Amino acid sequence: MATPSSSEVIIKVENLKKWFPVKLSFFDLIKRKKRLYVKAVDGISFNIYKGEIFCLVGESGCGKTTTGRLLLRLLKPTDGKIIFEGTDIASLPKKQLCQFRKKTSMISQDPYAAMNPRFTVFEVISEPLTIH
């Protein structure tokens, strides 16, 4: 993360959660089996300051894309707050949500440019040299 040029918080994330329900089989429903959830994002909090470049980095499947989609309100949070310029975007009406999205963007990782976690540092560095 770059050092913020200002102490002004642009986005404040508090205890953000996104749980996806696991589909139960017909027999599980008959048995009244307890509903299970995949906790894609489970209680994260952070601030993004004016002038700051913010990056989410982590292993595959750890919730980076889900967090980005929550920040853009492409997904509705299970719980928590996303406060953008003083407004909780989790409860924005559709028209205001469209205005909000005009001010935001997300750059997804290119899977072909990503480092393979199974490679050694030498393999990661030497791969482009071998190809070219």
N, C-alpha and C. Protein backbone atom coordinates (compact mmCIF):
# COMPACT_ATOMS: atom_id res chain seq x y z
N MET A 1 0.84 -1.18 0.00
CA MET A 1 0.00 0.00 0.00
C MET A 1 0.88 1.24 0.00
N ALA A 2 0.50 2.22 -0.75
CA ALA A 2 1.19 3.49 -0.77
C ALA A 2 0.81 4.29 0.47
N THR A 3 1.70 5.17 0.90
CA THR A 3 1.40 6.02 2.04
C THR A 3 0.36 7.04 1.62
N PRO A 4 -0.73 7.16 2.40
CA PRO A 4 -1.77 8.11 2.01
C PRO A 4 -1.27 9.54 2.08
N SER A 5 -1.69 10.37 1.12
CA SER A 5 -1.30 11.77 1.11
C SER A 5 -2.19 12.59 2.02
N SER A 6 -3.21 11.96 2.57
CA SER A 6 -4.18 12.65 3.41
C SER A 6 -4.66 11.67 4.47
N SER A 7 -5.17 12.20 5.56
CA SER A 7 -5.74 11.33 6.59
C SER A 7 -7.25 11.17 6.38
N GLU A 8 -7.76 11.69 5.24
CA GLU A 8 -9.19 11.60 4.94
C GLU A 8 -9.54 10.18 4.49
N VAL A 9 -10.46 9.56 5.21
CA VAL A 9 -10.90 8.21 4.87
C VAL A 9 -11.95 8.31 3.77
N ILE A 10 -11.71 7.64 2.64
CA ILE A 10 -12.66 7.61 1.53
C ILE A 10 -13.61 6.42 1.69
N ILE A 11 -13.05 5.26 2.02
CA ILE A 11 -13.86 4.05 2.24
C ILE A 11 -13.49 3.45 3.59
N LYS A 12 -14.51 3.21 4.39
CA LYS A 12 -14.32 2.57 5.69
C LYS A 12 -15.12 1.28 5.67
N VAL A 13 -14.44 0.16 5.88
CA VAL A 13 -15.08 -1.15 5.90
C VAL A 13 -15.06 -1.66 7.33
N GLU A 14 -16.23 -2.02 7.84
CA GLU A 14 -16.35 -2.48 9.23
C GLU A 14 -17.02 -3.84 9.28
N ASN A 15 -16.29 -4.84 9.78
CA ASN A 15 -16.83 -6.18 10.04
C ASN A 15 -17.61 -6.74 8.83
N LEU A 16 -17.03 -6.60 7.65
CA LEU A 16 -17.70 -7.02 6.41
C LEU A 16 -17.73 -8.55 6.30
N LYS A 17 -18.92 -9.06 5.97
CA LYS A 17 -19.11 -10.51 5.83
C LYS A 17 -19.92 -10.81 4.57
N LYS A 18 -19.53 -11.89 3.91
CA LYS A 18 -20.33 -12.44 2.81
C LYS A 18 -20.31 -13.95 2.93
N TRP A 19 -21.46 -14.50 3.29
CA TRP A 19 -21.62 -15.94 3.42
C TRP A 19 -22.55 -16.41 2.32
N PHE A 20 -22.15 -17.47 1.63
CA PHE A 20 -22.98 -18.06 0.59
C PHE A 20 -23.59 -19.36 1.12
N PRO A 21 -24.91 -19.52 1.00
CA PRO A 21 -25.53 -20.76 1.49
C PRO A 21 -25.15 -21.95 0.62
N VAL A 22 -24.89 -23.07 1.28
CA VAL A 22 -24.60 -24.32 0.58
C VAL A 22 -25.95 -24.97 0.26
N LYS A 23 -26.11 -25.38 -0.98
CA LYS A 23 -27.38 -26.01 -1.37
C LYS A 23 -27.50 -27.38 -0.71
N LEU A 24 -28.66 -27.60 -0.10
CA LEU A 24 -28.93 -28.87 0.55
C LEU A 24 -29.70 -29.78 -0.40
N SER A 25 -29.48 -31.07 -0.25
CA SER A 25 -30.22 -32.03 -1.06
C SER A 25 -31.65 -32.14 -0.54
N PHE A 26 -32.50 -32.77 -1.31
CA PHE A 26 -33.88 -32.99 -0.91
C PHE A 26 -33.95 -33.74 0.41
N PHE A 27 -33.08 -34.75 0.56
CA PHE A 27 -33.09 -35.57 1.78
C PHE A 27 -32.60 -34.78 2.99
N ASP A 28 -31.64 -33.88 2.77
CA ASP A 28 -31.18 -33.01 3.87
C ASP A 28 -32.31 -32.10 4.33
N LEU A 29 -33.11 -31.61 3.38
CA LEU A 29 -34.24 -30.75 3.74
C LEU A 29 -35.28 -31.52 4.54
N ILE A 30 -35.56 -32.77 4.13
CA ILE A 30 -36.52 -33.60 4.85
C ILE A 30 -36.03 -33.86 6.28
N LYS A 31 -34.72 -34.09 6.42
CA LYS A 31 -34.14 -34.35 7.75
C LYS A 31 -34.00 -33.07 8.57
N ARG A 32 -34.36 -31.93 7.95
CA ARG A 32 -34.23 -30.61 8.59
C ARG A 32 -32.79 -30.35 9.04
N LYS A 33 -31.90 -30.72 8.15
CA LYS A 33 -30.49 -30.51 8.41
C LYS A 33 -30.20 -29.01 8.50
N LYS A 34 -29.31 -28.64 9.40
CA LYS A 34 -28.97 -27.24 9.61
C LYS A 34 -28.34 -26.65 8.34
N ARG A 35 -28.73 -25.43 8.02
CA ARG A 35 -28.22 -24.72 6.84
C ARG A 35 -26.72 -24.47 7.02
N LEU A 36 -25.92 -24.79 6.00
CA LEU A 36 -24.48 -24.58 6.02
C LEU A 36 -24.13 -23.41 5.11
N TYR A 37 -23.02 -22.74 5.43
CA TYR A 37 -22.58 -21.58 4.65
C TYR A 37 -21.10 -21.67 4.33
N VAL A 38 -20.73 -21.15 3.16
CA VAL A 38 -19.33 -20.92 2.83
C VAL A 38 -19.05 -19.47 3.21
N LYS A 39 -18.12 -19.28 4.13
CA LYS A 39 -17.79 -17.93 4.61
C LYS A 39 -16.68 -17.36 3.73
N ALA A 40 -17.07 -16.77 2.60
CA ALA A 40 -16.10 -16.23 1.64
C ALA A 40 -15.35 -15.04 2.23
N VAL A 41 -16.06 -14.17 2.93
CA VAL A 41 -15.48 -13.03 3.63
C VAL A 41 -16.11 -13.05 5.02
N ASP A 42 -15.28 -13.01 6.06
CA ASP A 42 -15.81 -13.21 7.40
C ASP A 42 -15.24 -12.21 8.41
N GLY A 43 -15.78 -11.01 8.40
CA GLY A 43 -15.45 -10.03 9.43
C GLY A 43 -14.20 -9.21 9.19
N ILE A 44 -13.99 -8.72 7.97
CA ILE A 44 -12.80 -7.90 7.71
C ILE A 44 -13.13 -6.42 7.91
N SER A 45 -12.13 -5.67 8.33
CA SER A 45 -12.26 -4.22 8.54
C SER A 45 -10.98 -3.54 8.05
N PHE A 46 -11.13 -2.41 7.35
CA PHE A 46 -9.98 -1.62 6.92
C PHE A 46 -10.47 -0.26 6.44
N ASN A 47 -9.53 0.67 6.26
CA ASN A 47 -9.81 2.00 5.72
C ASN A 47 -9.00 2.20 4.45
N ILE A 48 -9.57 2.93 3.51
CA ILE A 48 -8.83 3.37 2.32
C ILE A 48 -8.84 4.89 2.36
N TYR A 49 -7.64 5.48 2.31
CA TYR A 49 -7.49 6.92 2.45
C TYR A 49 -7.39 7.61 1.10
N LYS A 50 -7.75 8.88 1.08
CA LYS A 50 -7.64 9.69 -0.13
C LYS A 50 -6.19 9.68 -0.61
N GLY A 51 -6.00 9.42 -1.90
CA GLY A 51 -4.66 9.41 -2.49
C GLY A 51 -3.92 8.10 -2.33
N GLU A 52 -4.53 7.14 -1.66
CA GLU A 52 -3.88 5.86 -1.41
C GLU A 52 -4.18 4.88 -2.55
N ILE A 53 -3.19 4.09 -2.90
CA ILE A 53 -3.40 2.98 -3.83
C ILE A 53 -3.55 1.74 -2.96
N PHE A 54 -4.68 1.09 -3.08
CA PHE A 54 -5.01 -0.03 -2.20
C PHE A 54 -5.04 -1.33 -3.00
N CYS A 55 -4.33 -2.34 -2.54
CA CYS A 55 -4.29 -3.63 -3.22
C CYS A 55 -4.69 -4.73 -2.25
N LEU A 56 -5.50 -5.66 -2.72
CA LEU A 56 -5.83 -6.87 -1.96
C LEU A 56 -4.99 -8.00 -2.53
N VAL A 57 -4.21 -8.63 -1.67
CA VAL A 57 -3.33 -9.70 -2.11
C VAL A 57 -3.56 -10.91 -1.22
N GLY A 58 -3.59 -12.09 -1.80
CA GLY A 58 -3.75 -13.30 -1.00
C GLY A 58 -3.81 -14.52 -1.89
N GLU A 59 -3.88 -15.67 -1.23
CA GLU A 59 -3.93 -16.94 -1.94
C GLU A 59 -5.22 -17.08 -2.73
N SER A 60 -5.20 -17.95 -3.69
CA SER A 60 -6.39 -18.25 -4.49
C SER A 60 -7.51 -18.75 -3.58
N GLY A 61 -8.69 -18.17 -3.76
CA GLY A 61 -9.85 -18.61 -2.98
C GLY A 61 -9.99 -18.00 -1.61
N CYS A 62 -9.19 -16.96 -1.31
CA CYS A 62 -9.25 -16.38 0.05
C CYS A 62 -10.26 -15.25 0.19
N GLY A 63 -10.95 -14.85 -0.90
CA GLY A 63 -11.99 -13.84 -0.79
C GLY A 63 -11.66 -12.49 -1.39
N LYS A 64 -10.57 -12.38 -2.15
CA LYS A 64 -10.19 -11.08 -2.73
C LYS A 64 -11.24 -10.56 -3.71
N THR A 65 -11.65 -11.39 -4.65
CA THR A 65 -12.63 -10.96 -5.65
C THR A 65 -13.98 -10.69 -5.00
N THR A 66 -14.37 -11.52 -4.06
CA THR A 66 -15.63 -11.30 -3.34
C THR A 66 -15.59 -9.97 -2.61
N THR A 67 -14.47 -9.65 -1.97
CA THR A 67 -14.33 -8.37 -1.27
C THR A 67 -14.45 -7.21 -2.26
N GLY A 68 -13.79 -7.32 -3.41
CA GLY A 68 -13.89 -6.28 -4.43
C GLY A 68 -15.31 -6.10 -4.91
N ARG A 69 -16.00 -7.19 -5.13
CA ARG A 69 -17.40 -7.11 -5.58
C ARG A 69 -18.30 -6.51 -4.50
N LEU A 70 -17.99 -6.79 -3.25
CA LEU A 70 -18.75 -6.17 -2.16
C LEU A 70 -18.50 -4.66 -2.11
N LEU A 71 -17.23 -4.26 -2.29
CA LEU A 71 -16.90 -2.83 -2.26
C LEU A 71 -17.58 -2.06 -3.38
N LEU A 72 -17.81 -2.70 -4.52
CA LEU A 72 -18.51 -2.05 -5.64
C LEU A 72 -20.02 -2.27 -5.56
N ARG A 73 -20.44 -3.01 -4.56
CA ARG A 73 -21.84 -3.39 -4.33
C ARG A 73 -22.40 -4.18 -5.50
N LEU A 74 -21.53 -5.00 -6.10
CA LEU A 74 -21.99 -5.96 -7.09
C LEU A 74 -22.58 -7.17 -6.38
N LEU A 75 -22.19 -7.33 -5.11
CA LEU A 75 -22.77 -8.32 -4.21
C LEU A 75 -23.28 -7.59 -2.98
N LYS A 76 -24.35 -8.07 -2.40
CA LYS A 76 -24.89 -7.48 -1.17
C LYS A 76 -24.23 -8.18 0.02
N PRO A 77 -23.70 -7.42 0.98
CA PRO A 77 -23.05 -8.04 2.13
C PRO A 77 -24.04 -8.82 3.00
N THR A 78 -23.55 -9.89 3.62
CA THR A 78 -24.33 -10.62 4.61
C THR A 78 -24.45 -9.76 5.87
N ASP A 79 -23.36 -9.07 6.20
CA ASP A 79 -23.32 -8.21 7.38
C ASP A 79 -22.17 -7.23 7.22
N GLY A 80 -22.16 -6.21 8.04
CA GLY A 80 -21.08 -5.24 8.04
C GLY A 80 -21.45 -3.96 7.31
N LYS A 81 -20.52 -3.01 7.34
CA LYS A 81 -20.73 -1.71 6.72
C LYS A 81 -19.63 -1.40 5.72
N ILE A 82 -20.03 -0.74 4.64
CA ILE A 82 -19.10 -0.19 3.65
C ILE A 82 -19.47 1.28 3.52
N ILE A 83 -18.68 2.13 4.13
CA ILE A 83 -19.00 3.56 4.16
C ILE A 83 -18.10 4.28 3.15
N PHE A 84 -18.73 4.85 2.12
CA PHE A 84 -18.03 5.58 1.07
C PHE A 84 -18.42 7.05 1.18
N GLU A 85 -17.43 7.90 1.43
CA GLU A 85 -17.65 9.35 1.59
C GLU A 85 -18.82 9.63 2.54
N GLY A 86 -18.86 8.90 3.65
CA GLY A 86 -19.86 9.14 4.69
C GLY A 86 -21.19 8.43 4.51
N THR A 87 -21.38 7.69 3.41
CA THR A 87 -22.65 7.01 3.14
C THR A 87 -22.44 5.50 3.15
N ASP A 88 -23.30 4.78 3.87
CA ASP A 88 -23.24 3.32 3.87
C ASP A 88 -23.84 2.82 2.56
N ILE A 89 -23.00 2.29 1.68
CA ILE A 89 -23.47 1.89 0.35
C ILE A 89 -24.28 0.59 0.38
N ALA A 90 -24.26 -0.12 1.49
CA ALA A 90 -25.01 -1.37 1.59
C ALA A 90 -26.51 -1.14 1.45
N SER A 91 -26.96 0.07 1.75
CA SER A 91 -28.40 0.35 1.71
C SER A 91 -28.80 1.37 0.64
N LEU A 92 -27.92 1.61 -0.33
CA LEU A 92 -28.23 2.60 -1.37
C LEU A 92 -29.33 2.11 -2.31
N PRO A 93 -30.28 3.00 -2.66
CA PRO A 93 -31.26 2.65 -3.70
C PRO A 93 -30.56 2.53 -5.05
N LYS A 94 -31.22 1.86 -6.01
CA LYS A 94 -30.62 1.55 -7.31
C LYS A 94 -30.06 2.78 -8.02
N LYS A 95 -30.79 3.89 -8.03
CA LYS A 95 -30.34 5.09 -8.74
C LYS A 95 -29.04 5.63 -8.13
N GLN A 96 -28.98 5.71 -6.81
CA GLN A 96 -27.77 6.19 -6.15
C GLN A 96 -26.62 5.20 -6.30
N LEU A 97 -26.96 3.92 -6.37
CA LEU A 97 -25.94 2.89 -6.56
C LEU A 97 -25.27 3.06 -7.92
N CYS A 98 -26.03 3.40 -8.94
CA CYS A 98 -25.47 3.66 -10.28
C CYS A 98 -24.51 4.85 -10.24
N GLN A 99 -24.87 5.91 -9.53
CA GLN A 99 -24.01 7.08 -9.39
C GLN A 99 -22.72 6.71 -8.65
N PHE A 100 -22.85 5.89 -7.61
CA PHE A 100 -21.68 5.44 -6.84
C PHE A 100 -20.72 4.66 -7.73
N ARG A 101 -21.25 3.76 -8.55
CA ARG A 101 -20.41 2.90 -9.39
C ARG A 101 -19.64 3.68 -10.45
N LYS A 102 -20.12 4.86 -10.82
CA LYS A 102 -19.40 5.69 -11.78
C LYS A 102 -18.10 6.22 -11.18
N LYS A 103 -18.01 6.26 -9.85
CA LYS A 103 -16.83 6.79 -9.16
C LYS A 103 -15.83 5.71 -8.78
N THR A 104 -16.15 4.45 -9.04
CA THR A 104 -15.32 3.35 -8.55
C THR A 104 -14.90 2.43 -9.68
N SER A 105 -13.86 1.63 -9.42
CA SER A 105 -13.44 0.61 -10.38
C SER A 105 -12.63 -0.46 -9.66
N MET A 106 -12.50 -1.60 -10.31
CA MET A 106 -11.72 -2.70 -9.76
C MET A 106 -10.94 -3.32 -10.91
N ILE A 107 -9.68 -3.61 -10.68
CA ILE A 107 -8.86 -4.28 -11.68
C ILE A 107 -8.62 -5.69 -11.18
N SER A 108 -9.15 -6.67 -11.93
CA SER A 108 -8.98 -8.06 -11.55
C SER A 108 -7.63 -8.58 -12.01
N GLN A 109 -7.18 -9.60 -11.32
CA GLN A 109 -5.90 -10.23 -11.63
C GLN A 109 -5.99 -10.98 -12.95
N ASP A 110 -4.96 -10.84 -13.76
CA ASP A 110 -4.85 -11.62 -14.98
C ASP A 110 -4.28 -12.99 -14.60
N PRO A 111 -5.06 -14.06 -14.74
CA PRO A 111 -4.57 -15.37 -14.30
C PRO A 111 -3.32 -15.84 -15.03
N TYR A 112 -3.09 -15.33 -16.26
CA TYR A 112 -1.91 -15.74 -17.01
C TYR A 112 -0.66 -14.97 -16.56
N ALA A 113 -0.86 -13.83 -15.91
CA ALA A 113 0.27 -13.04 -15.43
C ALA A 113 0.56 -13.34 -13.96
N ALA A 114 -0.27 -14.11 -13.32
CA ALA A 114 -0.12 -14.40 -11.90
C ALA A 114 1.01 -15.41 -11.67
N MET A 115 1.59 -15.34 -10.49
CA MET A 115 2.63 -16.29 -10.12
C MET A 115 1.99 -17.59 -9.64
N ASN A 116 2.53 -18.68 -10.07
CA ASN A 116 2.07 -19.99 -9.62
C ASN A 116 2.66 -20.26 -8.24
N PRO A 117 1.83 -20.46 -7.21
CA PRO A 117 2.35 -20.66 -5.85
C PRO A 117 3.16 -21.95 -5.70
N ARG A 118 3.06 -22.86 -6.66
CA ARG A 118 3.81 -24.11 -6.58
C ARG A 118 5.23 -23.98 -7.15
N PHE A 119 5.51 -22.86 -7.82
CA PHE A 119 6.83 -22.63 -8.40
C PHE A 119 7.77 -22.07 -7.34
N THR A 120 9.06 -22.38 -7.49
CA THR A 120 10.08 -21.74 -6.66
C THR A 120 10.31 -20.33 -7.22
N VAL A 121 11.01 -19.49 -6.47
CA VAL A 121 11.33 -18.14 -6.94
C VAL A 121 12.13 -18.23 -8.24
N PHE A 122 13.07 -19.17 -8.32
CA PHE A 122 13.87 -19.35 -9.53
C PHE A 122 12.98 -19.67 -10.73
N GLU A 123 12.01 -20.58 -10.56
CA GLU A 123 11.12 -20.96 -11.66
C GLU A 123 10.27 -19.78 -12.12
N VAL A 124 9.79 -18.96 -11.17
CA VAL A 124 8.97 -17.80 -11.51
C VAL A 124 9.78 -16.81 -12.35
N ILE A 125 11.03 -16.57 -11.93
CA ILE A 125 11.88 -15.59 -12.63
C ILE A 125 12.37 -16.14 -13.97
N SER A 126 12.69 -17.42 -14.03
CA SER A 126 13.25 -17.99 -15.26
C SER A 126 12.21 -18.33 -16.32
N GLU A 127 10.94 -18.48 -15.94
CA GLU A 127 9.90 -18.87 -16.91
C GLU A 127 9.82 -17.92 -18.11
N PRO A 128 9.75 -16.59 -17.92
CA PRO A 128 9.68 -15.71 -19.10
C PRO A 128 10.93 -15.78 -19.97
N LEU A 129 12.09 -16.01 -19.33
CA LEU A 129 13.33 -16.11 -20.10
C LEU A 129 13.33 -17.38 -20.95
N THR A 130 12.78 -18.45 -20.41
CA THR A 130 12.70 -19.71 -21.14
C THR A 130 11.74 -19.60 -22.31
N ILE A 131 10.62 -18.93 -22.11
CA ILE A 131 9.61 -18.77 -23.16
C ILE A 131 10.14 -17.93 -24.31
N HIS A 132 10.86 -16.85 -23.99
CA HIS A 132 11.35 -15.94 -25.03
C HIS A 132 12.78 -16.27 -25.38
